[in-house]
Amino acid sequence: MESTESRERTADEDGTEPTPAERTHRRPWRRWAARTALAAVLLLLVPLLAAEAALRINYTGDPAEGTYTRDRDALWLGHAWVDGRKKDADVAALARRLDGTGIRDLYVHSGPLEHDGTLPTSAYPRARWLIDAVHRELPGVRVQAWLGDILAPEHPEALHLERPESRAAILRSTRRVLDAGYDGVHFDLEPLHSGDRNYLMLLDALHAETEARDVPLSVAAHQIDPLPGLHSVRGALTGHPKWWSQEFFGQVARRVDQIAVMSYDTMQPLEGTYGGYVAQQTALALEVTPPSTDLLMGLPFFKENRFGHWAHAETVPAAVRGVRLGLSRTDADRAAFGVALYVDFAATEADWTAYREGWADAP
């Protein structure tokens, strides 16, 4: 049965039904509304499709000869390596796994930091054992303390870099892990907004400390704007900018010894567009990273299916090929360059094979 509301929408004020002529008169407005909606959809869809097509094209071509490991690669390791779960046999197995690869740095999860920047020594009780075991089984490989935390303002209850006391506490925590014997320190602070001056001040203080000890300061870095200013647009719409400007990336890279791009969780739906995206990120990062800083591009040694990361798209073969293409087109002979593998406890044999065949085992 037709409702009263429906009848009111189709009847004139005197209760009579619209005439055919009146109905015809109303149709142009409906057509206009439909066309406007279609135009809005196309306005959003066409640029997106064009961008995806450009990324797919960016994945074409052949990498340059010699674009393989420069023996500056890294591997993120989970907390089990310093909390007592791993044993001597595990280190021996790791040594066999890494034999013949280009991995020279291990980022070992030794935190997280407390929200005030402090770090209890109870967070890494077996650090000395691991460091000694790695130095014995893997001569020349460095063990870096991987520290991190979630950040304000996106998480108000978390670490506030704008507070001088928090930055001072992070510096003290760094001194303690280096006193414990680590060969360097690797920071992963997220989500870190582009242009954060407090982060740059923290890096200046940290680098002064690590430089005085002759050990590396390393950071995990957000991706660079695929389009200029995209982080500002996304930040305004969602409160989560995601990307850094290329300028800010360069400012960070000049303050550290290693910068590892988290080139995964890219929202790319296809392997070809993901590989093209990695090629673009590699080129953008190379353009602003000084030759004195090791630039590492992250490889996704994990499998997830969610918005932002699709396992069928973000594969190690696609990432490696993308890295080689970006390197080939931008600075094929750069020595201070490598890849960083995330993360050991999620890696499959297929991941290790793809890394070796595509990057580590130069023909």
Protein backbone atom coordinates (compact mmCIF):
# COMPACT_ATOMS: atom_id res chain seq x y z
CA MET A 1 0.00 0.00 0.00
CA GLU A 2 1.26 3.47 -0.92
CA SER A 3 2.19 5.48 2.16
CA THR A 4 0.90 8.93 3.01
CA GLU A 5 4.43 10.32 2.60
CA SER A 6 4.71 8.78 -0.87
CA ARG A 7 1.35 10.19 -1.94
CA GLU A 8 2.36 13.62 -0.69
CA ARG A 9 5.49 13.50 -2.79
CA THR A 10 3.55 12.74 -5.99
CA ALA A 11 0.40 14.80 -5.51
CA ASP A 12 -0.24 18.50 -5.98
CA GLU A 13 -1.25 20.68 -3.08
CA ASP A 14 -4.95 20.19 -3.90
CA GLY A 15 -4.55 16.39 -3.72
CA THR A 16 -4.70 15.71 -7.47
CA GLU A 17 -2.12 13.53 -9.24
CA PRO A 18 0.44 15.29 -11.51
CA THR A 19 -0.49 15.49 -15.16
CA PRO A 20 1.70 13.84 -17.84
CA ALA A 21 3.01 17.27 -18.80
CA GLU A 22 3.99 17.99 -15.20
CA ARG A 23 5.76 14.65 -14.92
CA THR A 24 7.68 15.42 -18.12
CA HIS A 25 8.63 18.79 -16.67
CA ARG A 26 10.16 17.09 -13.61
CA ARG A 27 12.23 14.53 -15.52
CA PRO A 28 15.04 16.95 -16.54
CA TRP A 29 15.74 17.58 -12.85
CA ARG A 30 16.03 13.87 -12.22
CA ARG A 31 18.31 13.47 -15.21
CA TRP A 32 20.41 16.38 -13.97
CA ALA A 33 20.74 14.79 -10.54
CA ALA A 34 21.73 11.44 -12.03
CA ARG A 35 24.28 13.05 -14.34
CA THR A 36 25.73 15.08 -11.48
CA ALA A 37 26.15 11.94 -9.39
CA LEU A 38 27.81 10.15 -12.30
CA ALA A 39 30.13 13.09 -12.89
CA ALA A 40 31.14 13.07 -9.21
CA VAL A 41 31.95 9.37 -9.37
CA LEU A 42 33.97 9.82 -12.54
CA LEU A 43 35.76 12.81 -11.03
CA LEU A 44 37.07 10.50 -8.32
CA LEU A 45 37.46 7.33 -10.35
CA VAL A 46 39.23 8.61 -13.46
CA PRO A 47 42.26 10.11 -11.67
CA LEU A 48 42.55 6.97 -9.54
CA LEU A 49 42.51 4.70 -12.60
CA ALA A 50 45.00 6.95 -14.33
CA ALA A 51 47.34 6.80 -11.33
CA GLU A 52 47.08 3.00 -11.17
CA ALA A 53 47.79 2.76 -14.90
CA ALA A 54 50.86 4.97 -14.45
CA LEU A 55 52.14 2.71 -11.68
CA ARG A 56 51.65 -0.37 -13.83
CA ILE A 57 53.61 1.26 -16.65
CA ASN A 58 56.31 2.13 -14.11
CA TYR A 59 56.70 -1.60 -13.49
CA THR A 60 57.65 -2.31 -17.10
CA GLY A 61 61.14 -2.49 -18.58
CA ASP A 62 64.30 -4.29 -17.56
CA PRO A 63 66.47 -3.49 -14.53
CA ALA A 64 70.03 -2.44 -15.25
CA GLU A 65 72.84 -4.96 -15.03
CA GLY A 66 74.49 -5.07 -11.63
CA THR A 67 71.50 -3.82 -9.64
CA TYR A 68 71.85 -6.43 -6.94
CA THR A 69 72.88 -6.47 -3.30
CA ARG A 70 75.68 -4.17 -2.18
CA ASP A 71 76.03 -6.14 1.09
CA ARG A 72 74.16 -3.47 3.05
CA ASP A 73 70.86 -5.28 3.60
CA ALA A 74 69.05 -5.59 6.93
CA LEU A 75 66.59 -7.89 8.69
CA TRP A 76 64.04 -7.00 11.35
CA LEU A 77 64.00 -9.62 14.14
CA GLY A 78 61.25 -10.16 16.72
CA HIS A 79 61.46 -9.81 20.48
CA ALA A 80 62.00 -13.54 21.02
CA TRP A 81 65.71 -13.02 20.31
CA VAL A 82 66.28 -11.00 23.51
CA ASP A 83 63.62 -12.24 25.95
CA GLY A 84 64.93 -15.76 26.47
CA ARG A 85 62.95 -17.76 23.93
CA LYS A 86 65.79 -18.14 21.43
CA LYS A 87 68.80 -20.36 22.06
CA ASP A 88 72.23 -21.04 20.59
CA ALA A 89 70.73 -23.44 18.05
CA ASP A 90 68.50 -20.64 16.77
CA VAL A 91 71.48 -18.36 16.20
CA ALA A 92 73.27 -21.15 14.36
CA ALA A 93 70.20 -21.65 12.15
CA LEU A 94 70.02 -17.91 11.52
CA ALA A 95 73.68 -17.94 10.49
CA ARG A 96 72.97 -20.68 7.96
CA ARG A 97 69.97 -18.75 6.67
CA LEU A 98 71.96 -15.56 6.14
CA ASP A 99 75.06 -17.20 4.71
CA GLY A 100 75.82 -15.76 1.31
CA THR A 101 73.27 -12.95 1.54
CA GLY A 102 73.93 -9.23 1.73
CA ILE A 103 72.54 -8.81 5.26
CA ARG A 104 74.89 -6.98 7.59
CA ASP A 105 72.44 -5.41 10.07
CA LEU A 106 69.92 -7.03 12.40
CA TYR A 107 67.25 -4.75 13.86
CA VAL A 108 66.29 -6.65 17.02
CA HIS A 109 63.07 -5.61 18.73
CA SER A 110 64.22 -4.51 22.19
CA GLY A 111 61.37 -2.26 23.29
CA PRO A 112 58.85 -0.83 23.03
CA LEU A 113 59.60 2.44 24.74
CA GLU A 114 57.29 3.49 27.53
CA HIS A 115 55.04 6.41 26.62
CA ASP A 116 57.34 8.74 28.58
CA GLY A 117 60.39 7.66 26.56
CA THR A 118 61.93 5.41 29.20
CA LEU A 119 62.94 1.80 28.60
CA PRO A 120 63.41 -0.75 31.41
CA THR A 121 66.38 -3.06 31.08
CA SER A 122 63.95 -5.92 31.70
CA ALA A 123 62.76 -5.40 28.10
CA TYR A 124 65.98 -6.93 26.71
CA PRO A 125 67.37 -9.33 29.36
CA ARG A 126 69.23 -11.57 26.87
CA ALA A 127 70.73 -8.83 24.72
CA ARG A 128 74.32 -9.53 25.72
CA TRP A 129 73.94 -13.22 24.92
CA LEU A 130 72.50 -12.47 21.47
CA ILE A 131 75.13 -9.88 20.60
CA ASP A 132 77.97 -12.23 21.54
CA ALA A 133 76.36 -15.15 19.69
CA VAL A 134 75.83 -13.14 16.50
CA HIS A 135 79.37 -11.78 16.57
CA ARG A 136 80.62 -15.36 16.93
CA GLU A 137 78.40 -16.98 14.29
CA LEU A 138 78.06 -14.03 11.90
CA PRO A 139 81.29 -11.99 11.90
CA GLY A 140 80.76 -8.48 10.57
CA VAL A 141 76.98 -8.46 11.17
CA ARG A 142 75.79 -5.70 13.51
CA VAL A 143 73.06 -6.08 16.12
CA GLN A 144 71.01 -2.90 16.48
CA ALA A 145 68.38 -2.26 19.16
CA TRP A 146 65.02 -1.74 17.47
CA LEU A 147 63.05 0.73 19.60
CA GLY A 148 59.71 2.35 18.96
CA ASP A 149 56.34 3.50 20.21
CA ILE A 150 53.07 4.95 18.99
CA LEU A 151 52.94 8.73 18.81
CA ALA A 152 50.70 11.66 19.64
CA PRO A 153 48.77 13.51 18.30
CA GLU A 154 46.97 10.59 16.64
CA HIS A 155 47.24 8.69 19.92
CA PRO A 156 46.97 11.31 22.69
CA GLU A 157 47.86 8.79 25.40
CA ALA A 158 51.12 7.80 23.66
CA LEU A 159 54.60 9.27 23.30
CA HIS A 160 54.67 13.08 22.92
CA LEU A 161 57.76 14.20 21.03
CA GLU A 162 56.88 17.84 21.62
CA ARG A 163 57.75 17.37 25.30
CA PRO A 164 61.44 18.03 26.01
CA GLU A 165 61.38 15.58 28.91
CA SER A 166 60.22 12.79 26.58
CA ARG A 167 63.02 13.46 24.10
CA ALA A 168 65.53 13.54 26.96
CA ALA A 169 64.22 10.19 28.22
CA ILE A 170 64.60 8.65 24.75
CA LEU A 171 68.21 9.82 24.64
CA ARG A 172 68.88 8.25 28.06
CA SER A 173 67.24 5.01 26.89
CA THR A 174 69.50 5.02 23.84
CA ARG A 175 72.59 5.42 25.99
CA ARG A 176 71.53 2.45 28.10
CA VAL A 177 71.01 0.07 25.19
CA LEU A 178 74.34 1.09 23.70
CA ASP A 179 75.99 0.56 27.08
CA ALA A 180 74.47 -2.94 27.00
CA GLY A 181 76.59 -3.70 23.94
CA TYR A 182 74.33 -3.12 20.93
CA ASP A 183 76.14 -2.11 17.75
CA GLY A 184 73.64 0.65 16.96
CA VAL A 185 70.06 1.76 17.46
CA HIS A 186 67.10 1.64 15.08
CA PHE A 187 63.98 3.74 15.73
CA ASP A 188 60.47 3.10 14.44
CA LEU A 189 58.13 5.80 15.76
CA GLU A 190 54.64 5.83 14.23
CA PRO A 191 52.52 7.51 13.02
CA LEU A 192 55.01 10.31 12.48
CA HIS A 193 53.59 13.31 10.65
CA SER A 194 55.55 14.98 7.88
CA GLY A 195 57.38 18.12 8.96
CA ASP A 196 57.62 17.21 12.66
CA ARG A 197 60.37 19.51 13.94
CA ASN A 198 60.45 17.78 17.31
CA TYR A 199 61.45 14.54 15.59
CA LEU A 200 64.26 16.31 13.78
CA MET A 201 65.51 17.76 17.08
CA LEU A 202 65.42 14.28 18.59
CA LEU A 203 67.44 12.87 15.69
CA ASP A 204 70.04 15.62 16.09
CA ALA A 205 70.52 14.69 19.74
CA LEU A 206 70.56 10.95 19.04
CA HIS A 207 73.03 11.26 16.18
CA ALA A 208 75.43 13.26 18.32
CA GLU A 209 75.40 10.36 20.80
CA THR A 210 75.81 7.57 18.25
CA GLU A 211 78.46 9.44 16.30
CA ALA A 212 80.49 9.91 19.47
CA ARG A 213 80.34 6.12 19.99
CA ASP A 214 81.03 5.36 16.30
CA VAL A 215 77.85 3.30 15.90
CA PRO A 216 75.00 3.78 13.40
CA LEU A 217 71.73 5.59 13.99
CA SER A 218 68.99 4.03 11.89
CA VAL A 219 65.30 4.87 11.41
CA ALA A 220 62.28 3.31 9.77
CA ALA A 221 60.71 5.88 7.45
CA HIS A 222 57.21 6.49 6.14
CA GLN A 223 56.61 6.41 2.40
CA ILE A 224 57.01 9.58 0.32
CA ASP A 225 54.08 11.44 -1.27
CA PRO A 226 53.27 9.62 -4.55
CA LEU A 227 51.83 12.97 -5.65
CA PRO A 228 53.12 16.28 -4.27
CA GLY A 229 51.20 17.37 -1.19
CA LEU A 230 49.17 14.16 -0.90
CA HIS A 231 49.99 13.82 2.80
CA SER A 232 48.35 17.20 3.45
CA VAL A 233 45.17 16.22 1.60
CA ARG A 234 44.86 12.88 3.38
CA GLY A 235 45.68 14.48 6.72
CA ALA A 236 42.93 17.05 6.27
CA LEU A 237 40.40 14.37 5.33
CA THR A 238 41.31 11.61 7.80
CA GLY A 239 43.69 12.99 10.42
CA HIS A 240 46.27 10.38 9.31
CA PRO A 241 48.60 11.85 6.64
CA LYS A 242 50.35 8.48 6.01
CA TRP A 243 53.08 9.84 3.71
CA TRP A 244 55.96 12.24 4.21
CA SER A 245 56.85 15.02 1.83
CA GLN A 246 60.00 14.32 -0.16
CA GLU A 247 61.58 17.38 1.46
CA PHE A 248 60.96 16.05 4.97
CA PHE A 249 62.26 12.61 3.99
CA GLY A 250 65.50 14.27 2.90
CA GLN A 251 65.71 16.21 6.17
CA VAL A 252 65.45 12.94 8.10
CA ALA A 253 67.91 11.12 5.82
CA ARG A 254 70.56 13.78 6.38
CA ARG A 255 70.40 13.24 10.15
CA VAL A 256 70.92 9.47 10.26
CA ASP A 257 73.29 6.78 9.05
CA GLN A 258 70.58 4.46 7.73
CA ILE A 259 67.01 5.08 6.62
CA ALA A 260 64.74 2.12 5.86
CA VAL A 261 61.57 2.88 3.90
CA MET A 262 58.52 0.90 5.03
CA SER A 263 57.56 0.23 1.42
CA TYR A 264 54.62 -2.03 2.24
CA ASP A 265 51.05 -1.42 3.45
CA THR A 266 50.60 0.58 0.25
CA MET A 267 46.89 0.02 -0.52
CA GLN A 268 47.86 -1.32 -3.96
CA PRO A 269 45.44 -3.94 -5.34
CA LEU A 270 47.68 -5.65 -7.91
CA GLU A 271 51.20 -7.03 -7.99
CA GLY A 272 52.03 -4.90 -11.03
CA THR A 273 50.87 -1.64 -9.49
CA TYR A 274 52.59 -2.49 -6.19
CA GLY A 275 55.88 -3.11 -7.99
CA GLY A 276 55.48 0.16 -9.87
CA TYR A 277 54.76 1.93 -6.60
CA VAL A 278 57.95 0.52 -5.03
CA ALA A 279 59.92 1.62 -8.10
CA GLN A 280 58.53 5.12 -7.67
CA GLN A 281 59.27 5.17 -3.93
CA THR A 282 62.82 3.98 -4.56
CA ALA A 283 63.42 6.77 -7.07
CA LEU A 284 61.89 9.45 -4.83
CA ALA A 285 63.98 8.34 -1.86
CA LEU A 286 67.20 8.15 -3.87
CA GLU A 287 66.74 11.72 -5.09
CA VAL A 288 66.97 13.18 -1.57
CA THR A 289 69.09 10.68 0.41
CA PRO A 290 72.74 11.80 0.65
CA PRO A 291 75.42 9.35 -0.54
CA SER A 292 76.72 9.08 3.03
CA THR A 293 73.42 7.59 4.28
CA ASP A 294 72.44 3.98 3.64
CA LEU A 295 69.05 3.87 1.94
CA LEU A 296 67.18 0.58 2.46
CA MET A 297 63.87 -0.32 0.83
CA GLY A 298 61.57 -2.58 2.84
CA LEU A 299 60.49 -6.00 1.56
CA PRO A 300 57.19 -7.49 2.84
CA PHE A 301 58.16 -10.78 4.52
CA PHE A 302 54.64 -11.10 5.95
CA LYS A 303 51.16 -11.92 4.67
CA GLU A 304 48.02 -9.97 5.53
CA ASN A 305 44.73 -9.25 3.82
CA ARG A 306 43.08 -6.03 4.92
CA PHE A 307 42.48 -2.55 3.61
CA GLY A 308 45.92 -1.15 2.94
CA HIS A 309 47.70 -4.47 2.40
CA TRP A 310 46.83 -7.34 0.06
CA ALA A 311 49.07 -10.39 0.19
CA HIS A 312 48.44 -11.27 -3.46
CA ALA A 313 49.72 -7.82 -4.49
CA GLU A 314 52.48 -7.00 -2.01
CA THR A 315 54.87 -9.83 -2.82
CA VAL A 316 58.62 -10.06 -2.41
CA PRO A 317 59.26 -10.66 -6.14
CA ALA A 318 57.27 -7.52 -7.04
CA ALA A 319 59.06 -5.47 -4.40
CA VAL A 320 62.51 -6.65 -5.47
CA ARG A 321 61.80 -5.96 -9.13
CA GLY A 322 60.41 -2.53 -8.22
CA VAL A 323 63.50 -1.73 -6.16
CA ARG A 324 65.79 -2.71 -9.02
CA LEU A 325 63.81 -0.65 -11.54
CA GLY A 326 63.84 2.44 -9.32
CA LEU A 327 67.55 2.02 -8.65
CA SER A 328 68.29 1.49 -12.35
CA ARG A 329 66.50 4.66 -13.41
CA THR A 330 67.85 6.93 -10.70
CA ASP A 331 71.30 5.93 -9.42
CA ALA A 332 72.23 2.43 -10.60
CA ASP A 333 75.79 2.60 -9.22
CA ARG A 334 74.91 3.87 -5.76
CA ALA A 335 76.89 1.91 -3.15
CA ALA A 336 75.02 2.95 0.03
CA PHE A 337 71.85 1.06 -0.85
CA GLY A 338 70.09 -2.12 0.15
CA VAL A 339 66.85 -3.78 1.15
CA ALA A 340 65.39 -4.46 4.59
CA LEU A 341 63.38 -7.62 5.27
CA TYR A 342 60.29 -7.33 7.48
CA VAL A 343 60.03 -9.56 9.52
CA ASP A 344 61.81 -12.82 10.48
CA PHE A 345 58.98 -14.59 12.33
CA ALA A 346 56.50 -14.14 9.47
CA ALA A 347 58.84 -15.07 6.61
CA THR A 348 58.18 -18.10 4.40
CA GLU A 349 60.60 -20.16 2.37
CA ALA A 350 59.15 -18.52 -0.73
CA ASP A 351 60.03 -15.08 0.68
CA TRP A 352 63.64 -16.08 1.32
CA THR A 353 63.93 -17.68 -2.11
CA ALA A 354 62.58 -14.56 -3.81
CA TYR A 355 65.03 -12.37 -1.91
CA ARG A 356 67.96 -14.58 -2.79
CA GLU A 357 67.10 -15.14 -6.44
CA GLY A 358 65.99 -11.59 -7.15
CA TRP A 359 68.50 -9.59 -5.12
CA ALA A 360 71.07 -11.41 -2.99
CA ASP A 361 72.47 -13.95 -5.44
CA ALA A 362 74.03 -11.78 -8.12
CA PRO A 363 74.63 -13.68 -11.40
